[in-house]
Amino acid sequence: MAETIYVRGEGGMVIAMDLPLPESIAERYERGQLARVHSDGSPYTTAVALAQEAPAAPAEPVDEPPAEPATGRGQRPGINAAKSEWIAYVVAQGLHSAEDAANYTKSDLIDMVS
């Protein structure tokens, strides 16, 4: 059975699509012309994005330096990570909102934080 996702098209309409997406639709999705949303049209968030937005529990002081001393805002995804992970990372860096970041290509998102 195919998994169903919902995308918001250029005109703002929410459309149910079965995976795998047809080639022409997949190309438009990768270019950022279509944004993945929930069935009610609310922005789609991944578990990675939700984990980054959740407040961190107070940790005991540690003498080690933070993993990312420049910003400390989440771990940079791998180059082969899904576009949704790059969107979550750009949002965590405070560069764009999730809706704005979804309009960029994966390559553009990577260039933003490089």
Protein backbone atom coordinates (compact mmCIF):
# COMPACT_ATOMS: atom_id res chain seq x y z
CA MET A 1 0.00 0.00 0.00
CA ALA A 2 1.36 3.40 -0.97
CA GLU A 3 1.98 6.10 1.62
CA THR A 4 -0.08 9.25 1.11
CA ILE A 5 1.33 12.74 1.65
CA TYR A 6 -0.30 16.14 1.28
CA VAL A 7 1.24 18.99 -0.68
CA ARG A 8 0.23 22.62 -1.13
CA GLY A 9 0.38 23.57 -4.80
CA GLU A 10 1.26 26.88 -6.40
CA GLY A 11 -2.35 28.07 -6.08
CA GLY A 12 -2.54 27.19 -2.37
CA MET A 13 -4.71 24.10 -2.78
CA VAL A 14 -3.92 21.06 -0.58
CA ILE A 15 -3.62 17.90 -2.67
CA ALA A 16 -3.29 14.27 -1.49
CA MET A 17 -0.52 12.43 -3.37
CA ASP A 18 0.56 8.78 -3.17
CA LEU A 19 4.25 7.95 -2.97
CA PRO A 20 6.28 7.59 -5.04
CA LEU A 21 5.40 10.92 -6.61
CA PRO A 22 5.10 11.12 -10.38
CA GLU A 23 8.32 12.43 -11.94
CA SER A 24 6.93 15.85 -12.92
CA ILE A 25 5.43 16.38 -9.43
CA ALA A 26 8.66 15.20 -7.74
CA GLU A 27 10.66 17.73 -9.78
CA ARG A 28 8.33 20.57 -8.73
CA TYR A 29 8.56 19.39 -5.10
CA GLU A 30 12.38 19.39 -5.18
CA ARG A 31 12.41 22.88 -6.72
CA GLY A 32 10.27 24.08 -3.81
CA GLN A 33 7.21 24.86 -5.93
CA LEU A 34 5.18 22.43 -3.81
CA ALA A 35 5.35 22.32 -0.02
CA ARG A 36 4.49 19.28 2.10
CA VAL A 37 1.70 19.99 4.58
CA HIS A 38 -0.67 18.09 6.86
CA SER A 39 -4.13 17.17 5.55
CA ASP A 40 -5.59 20.33 7.14
CA GLY A 41 -2.99 22.52 5.36
CA SER A 42 -0.87 23.22 8.44
CA PRO A 43 2.92 23.17 7.88
CA TYR A 44 4.47 19.70 7.90
CA THR A 45 7.10 19.22 10.56
CA THR A 46 9.42 16.27 11.00
CA ALA A 47 10.48 14.72 14.26
CA VAL A 48 13.86 16.42 13.74
CA ALA A 49 12.23 19.86 13.54
CA LEU A 50 10.05 19.18 16.57
CA ALA A 51 13.06 18.01 18.59
CA GLN A 52 14.98 21.16 17.71
CA GLU A 53 12.05 23.40 18.68
CA ALA A 54 11.43 21.65 22.02
CA PRO A 55 13.10 23.29 25.00
CA ALA A 56 16.12 21.35 26.15
CA ALA A 57 16.16 19.95 29.67
CA PRO A 58 18.61 21.73 31.96
CA ALA A 59 21.89 19.86 31.79
CA GLU A 60 24.58 19.61 34.39
CA PRO A 61 27.64 21.76 33.61
CA VAL A 62 30.25 19.93 31.58
CA ASP A 63 33.83 21.03 31.01
CA GLU A 64 33.74 19.98 27.34
CA PRO A 65 33.20 22.64 24.64
CA PRO A 66 29.86 22.51 22.80
CA ALA A 67 29.68 20.48 19.59
CA GLU A 68 28.96 23.62 17.54
CA PRO A 69 30.63 26.56 19.23
CA ALA A 70 29.50 29.13 16.63
CA THR A 71 25.74 28.81 17.14
CA GLY A 72 24.92 25.75 19.23
CA ARG A 73 21.64 25.45 17.30
CA GLY A 74 21.37 21.81 16.28
CA GLN A 75 23.65 19.54 14.33
CA ARG A 76 24.19 20.22 10.63
CA PRO A 77 22.59 17.51 8.46
CA GLY A 78 24.70 15.42 6.13
CA ILE A 79 24.91 16.46 2.49
CA ASN A 80 22.67 13.51 1.52
CA ALA A 81 20.05 14.29 4.18
CA ALA A 82 16.47 14.90 3.12
CA LYS A 83 15.39 18.41 2.18
CA SER A 84 13.09 18.46 5.22
CA GLU A 85 16.12 18.06 7.51
CA TRP A 86 17.86 20.99 5.80
CA ILE A 87 14.70 23.07 6.20
CA ALA A 88 14.64 22.24 9.91
CA TYR A 89 18.32 23.18 10.21
CA VAL A 90 17.86 26.53 8.41
CA VAL A 91 14.90 27.30 10.69
CA ALA A 92 16.94 26.34 13.77
CA GLN A 93 19.68 28.70 12.62
CA GLY A 94 17.09 31.50 12.52
CA LEU A 95 17.66 32.24 8.84
CA HIS A 96 14.08 31.68 7.62
CA SER A 97 10.68 30.47 8.78
CA ALA A 98 9.72 26.91 7.85
CA GLU A 99 7.33 28.15 5.15
CA ASP A 100 9.98 30.41 3.59
CA ALA A 101 12.69 27.77 3.75
CA ALA A 102 10.40 25.24 2.03
CA ASN A 103 10.35 27.50 -1.04
CA TYR A 104 14.10 27.04 -1.60
CA THR A 105 15.79 24.08 -3.23
CA LYS A 106 17.89 21.75 -1.13
CA SER A 107 21.00 23.12 -2.81
CA ASP A 108 20.00 26.69 -1.92
CA LEU A 109 19.45 25.67 1.71
CA ILE A 110 22.89 24.08 1.89
CA ASP A 111 24.47 27.21 0.38
CA MET A 112 22.73 29.40 2.98
CA VAL A 113 24.53 27.76 5.87
CA SER A 114 27.88 27.09 4.19
